[in-house]
Protein backbone atom coordinates (compact mmCIF):
# COMPACT_ATOMS: atom_id res chain seq x y z
CA MET A 1 10.25 1.45 -13.46
CA ASN A 2 12.34 3.86 -15.50
CA LEU A 3 15.90 3.43 -16.70
CA SER A 4 18.20 6.32 -15.87
CA SER A 5 21.98 6.47 -15.51
CA VAL A 6 24.67 7.49 -13.07
CA ALA A 7 25.26 10.27 -15.62
CA ALA A 8 22.10 11.92 -14.25
CA VAL A 9 23.96 12.72 -11.03
CA ALA A 10 27.56 12.61 -12.31
CA PRO A 11 27.42 14.22 -15.77
CA ILE A 12 29.78 12.88 -18.42
CA PRO A 13 31.93 15.39 -20.33
CA PHE A 14 30.92 15.65 -23.99
CA GLN A 15 27.74 13.68 -23.26
CA THR A 16 25.69 16.72 -22.24
CA TYR A 17 22.41 15.70 -23.87
CA TYR A 18 22.64 12.16 -22.52
CA SER A 19 23.40 13.37 -18.98
CA ALA A 20 20.61 15.99 -19.10
CA SER A 21 18.04 13.52 -20.41
CA LYS A 22 18.89 11.03 -17.65
CA ALA A 23 18.58 13.81 -15.03
CA ALA A 24 15.14 14.52 -16.49
CA VAL A 25 14.23 10.83 -16.11
CA ASN A 26 15.13 11.09 -12.39
CA ALA A 27 13.02 14.24 -11.93
CA TYR A 28 10.11 12.67 -13.83
CA THR A 29 10.34 9.51 -11.73
CA MET A 30 10.35 11.34 -8.42
CA ALA A 31 7.51 13.69 -9.40
CA LEU A 32 5.39 10.82 -10.73
CA ALA A 33 6.07 8.75 -7.59
CA ASN A 34 4.69 11.60 -5.48
CA GLU A 35 1.63 11.99 -7.73
CA VAL A 36 0.59 8.33 -7.72
CA ARG A 37 1.58 7.40 -4.15
CA PRO A 38 -1.99 8.00 -2.82
CA PHE A 39 -3.20 5.26 -5.20
CA GLY A 40 -0.70 2.69 -3.86
CA ILE A 41 1.43 2.87 -6.99
CA THR A 42 5.19 3.01 -6.68
CA VAL A 43 7.57 4.39 -9.28
CA CYS A 44 11.35 4.12 -9.35
CA ALA A 45 14.33 4.53 -11.64
CA VAL A 46 17.48 2.44 -11.85
CA GLN A 47 20.78 4.25 -12.45
CA PRO A 48 23.34 1.84 -13.85
CA GLY A 49 26.95 2.74 -14.41
CA ASP A 50 28.96 1.18 -17.22
CA ILE A 51 27.47 -1.93 -18.81
CA ALA A 52 29.34 -3.99 -21.43
CA THR A 53 26.81 -3.54 -24.25
CA GLY A 54 28.87 -2.33 -27.22
CA PHE A 55 26.98 0.99 -27.14
CA THR A 56 30.15 3.10 -27.51
CA SER A 57 31.72 0.88 -30.17
CA ARG A 58 29.71 2.51 -32.94
CA PRO A 59 31.86 4.73 -35.16
CA GLY A 60 31.66 8.43 -34.48
CA GLU A 61 33.06 11.69 -35.85
CA VAL A 62 35.16 13.43 -33.25
CA SER A 63 38.08 14.99 -35.11
CA GLY A 64 36.44 18.25 -36.25
CA ARG A 65 35.38 19.42 -32.80
CA ASP A 66 38.23 17.75 -30.94
CA GLN A 67 40.84 20.20 -32.18
CA ALA A 68 39.16 23.06 -30.32
CA TYR A 69 39.33 20.99 -27.11
CA ASN A 70 42.98 19.96 -27.55
CA GLY A 71 42.08 16.28 -27.87
CA ARG A 72 39.86 16.09 -24.78
CA ILE A 73 36.87 14.75 -26.72
CA GLY A 74 38.87 11.89 -28.22
CA ARG A 75 40.38 11.00 -24.84
CA SER A 76 36.96 11.17 -23.18
CA VAL A 77 35.34 8.94 -25.83
CA ALA A 78 38.24 6.48 -25.63
CA ARG A 79 37.82 6.31 -21.85
CA MET A 80 34.06 5.76 -22.18
CA GLU A 81 34.72 2.91 -24.62
CA HIS A 82 37.23 1.37 -22.20
CA ASP A 83 34.92 1.74 -19.19
CA GLU A 84 32.03 0.20 -21.07
CA THR A 85 34.03 -2.84 -22.20
CA ALA A 86 35.18 -3.28 -18.58
CA GLY A 87 31.64 -2.66 -17.27
CA MET A 88 29.24 -5.08 -15.64
CA SER A 89 27.56 -7.70 -17.76
CA PRO A 90 24.10 -6.98 -19.14
CA ALA A 91 22.91 -10.12 -17.33
CA SER A 92 24.05 -8.74 -13.96
CA ALA A 93 22.37 -5.40 -14.63
CA GLY A 94 19.20 -7.18 -15.74
CA ALA A 95 19.19 -9.34 -12.62
CA PHE A 96 19.49 -6.23 -10.43
CA ILE A 97 16.66 -4.51 -12.31
CA GLY A 98 14.54 -7.66 -11.97
CA ARG A 99 15.10 -7.81 -8.20
CA VAL A 100 14.09 -4.15 -7.87
CA ALA A 101 10.97 -4.72 -9.99
CA LEU A 102 9.84 -7.55 -7.73
CA ARG A 103 10.07 -5.56 -4.50
CA ARG A 104 6.84 -4.60 -2.79
CA SER A 105 8.06 -1.12 -1.85
CA HIS A 106 10.53 1.08 -3.66
CA HIS A 107 12.93 3.88 -3.10
CA PRO A 108 12.65 6.39 -5.94
CA LEU A 109 16.22 5.84 -7.23
CA TYR A 110 18.53 2.81 -7.26
CA THR A 111 22.16 2.83 -8.36
CA ILE A 112 23.91 -0.32 -9.59
CA GLY A 113 27.48 -0.98 -8.44
CA GLY A 114 29.42 -0.15 -5.29
CA PHE A 115 31.69 2.50 -6.83
CA TYR A 116 28.76 4.22 -8.50
CA ARG A 117 26.64 4.14 -5.31
CA PHE A 118 29.57 5.78 -3.49
CA ALA A 119 30.05 8.39 -6.22
CA VAL A 120 26.32 9.26 -6.30
CA LEU A 121 26.21 9.56 -2.50
CA LEU A 122 29.34 11.71 -2.42
CA LEU A 123 28.04 14.01 -5.15
CA LYS A 124 24.77 14.44 -3.25
CA LEU A 125 26.57 15.32 -0.02
CA LEU A 126 29.06 17.81 -1.46
CA PRO A 127 28.10 21.31 -2.58
CA ALA A 128 27.39 21.26 -6.33
CA SER A 129 30.51 23.21 -7.31
CA ALA A 130 32.77 20.98 -5.19
CA GLY A 131 31.16 17.79 -6.47
CA ASN A 132 31.41 18.91 -10.08
CA TRP A 133 35.06 19.89 -9.62
CA LEU A 134 35.83 16.56 -7.95
CA TRP A 135 34.01 14.50 -10.59
CA ALA A 136 35.73 16.42 -13.40
CA GLY A 137 39.09 15.66 -11.77
CA CYS A 138 38.26 11.98 -11.54
CA MET A 139 37.12 11.92 -15.16
CA GLN A 140 40.40 13.57 -16.16
CA ALA A 141 42.32 11.03 -14.10
CA LYS A 142 40.39 8.22 -15.78
CA CYS A 143 41.21 9.71 -19.18
CA ALA A 144 44.87 9.71 -18.21
CA LYS A 145 44.45 6.13 -16.93
CA LEU A 146 45.37 7.16 -13.41
CA PRO A 147 43.82 5.27 -10.48
CA CYS A 148 41.67 8.05 -9.04
CA LEU A 149 40.68 6.04 -5.98
CA ASN A 150 44.27 5.09 -5.23
CA GLY A 151 45.36 7.94 -2.98
CA GLY A 152 44.14 10.80 -5.16
CA LEU A 153 40.41 10.97 -4.51
CA ASP A 154 40.70 10.99 -0.73
CA MET A 155 43.13 13.92 -0.88
CA ALA A 156 40.84 15.74 -3.30
CA ILE A 157 37.91 15.25 -0.92
CA LEU A 158 39.97 16.59 1.98
CA ARG A 159 40.97 19.62 -0.09
CA VAL A 160 37.37 20.32 -1.09
CA LEU A 161 36.09 19.98 2.46
CA SER A 162 38.88 22.13 3.87
CA GLY A 163 38.44 24.78 1.16
CA SER A 164 42.01 24.36 -0.09
CA THR A 165 42.63 24.82 -3.80
CA GLY A 166 46.40 24.42 -3.85
CA GLY A 167 48.45 21.37 -4.70
CA ALA A 168 47.68 18.49 -7.00
CA PHE A 169 45.00 15.84 -6.93
CA CYS A 170 44.31 12.88 -9.17
CA GLY A 171 43.13 15.05 -12.06
CA ASP A 172 46.05 17.49 -11.81
CA ARG A 173 48.88 15.09 -12.66
CA GLY A 174 50.65 15.87 -15.87
CA ARG A 175 49.30 19.42 -16.06
CA SER A 176 51.27 22.51 -15.24
CA GLN A 177 50.31 24.16 -11.95
């Protein structure tokens, strides 16, 4: 069993290396699962979302680069810190991982949490450019503390599927059109 992250499928802004390394864990897991399947060996990866671990509470230097991004890095890091503190407990994540480990057969990838399972499924179903645009909008809405799933995300999905680019969605609020 490998430990990945939802960031493998839904990359986090300003966490490029983390997101890329978790995507590599997914690719490694799936390739290895195919290699060892003839020997009766199963391999899987678990993709948790936010877990309340204190990981983001470590001090970091943002100010130098943040100016070039008009404060987006600082807002993104603040949102990550908030999401982590509001995340699932490590005990819940560990219990999920334990249940997966004890299964006789495995899917290659498991995602923890209803919202994250929905987001991963949606991002797999949408074309890459549409999914990336939608996820970026939701991340912006989260940074602005707007409820992305409260009327905004469904309209954004409809706009993406219909090919419309006009109007506002949950990530557009507060920005000039």
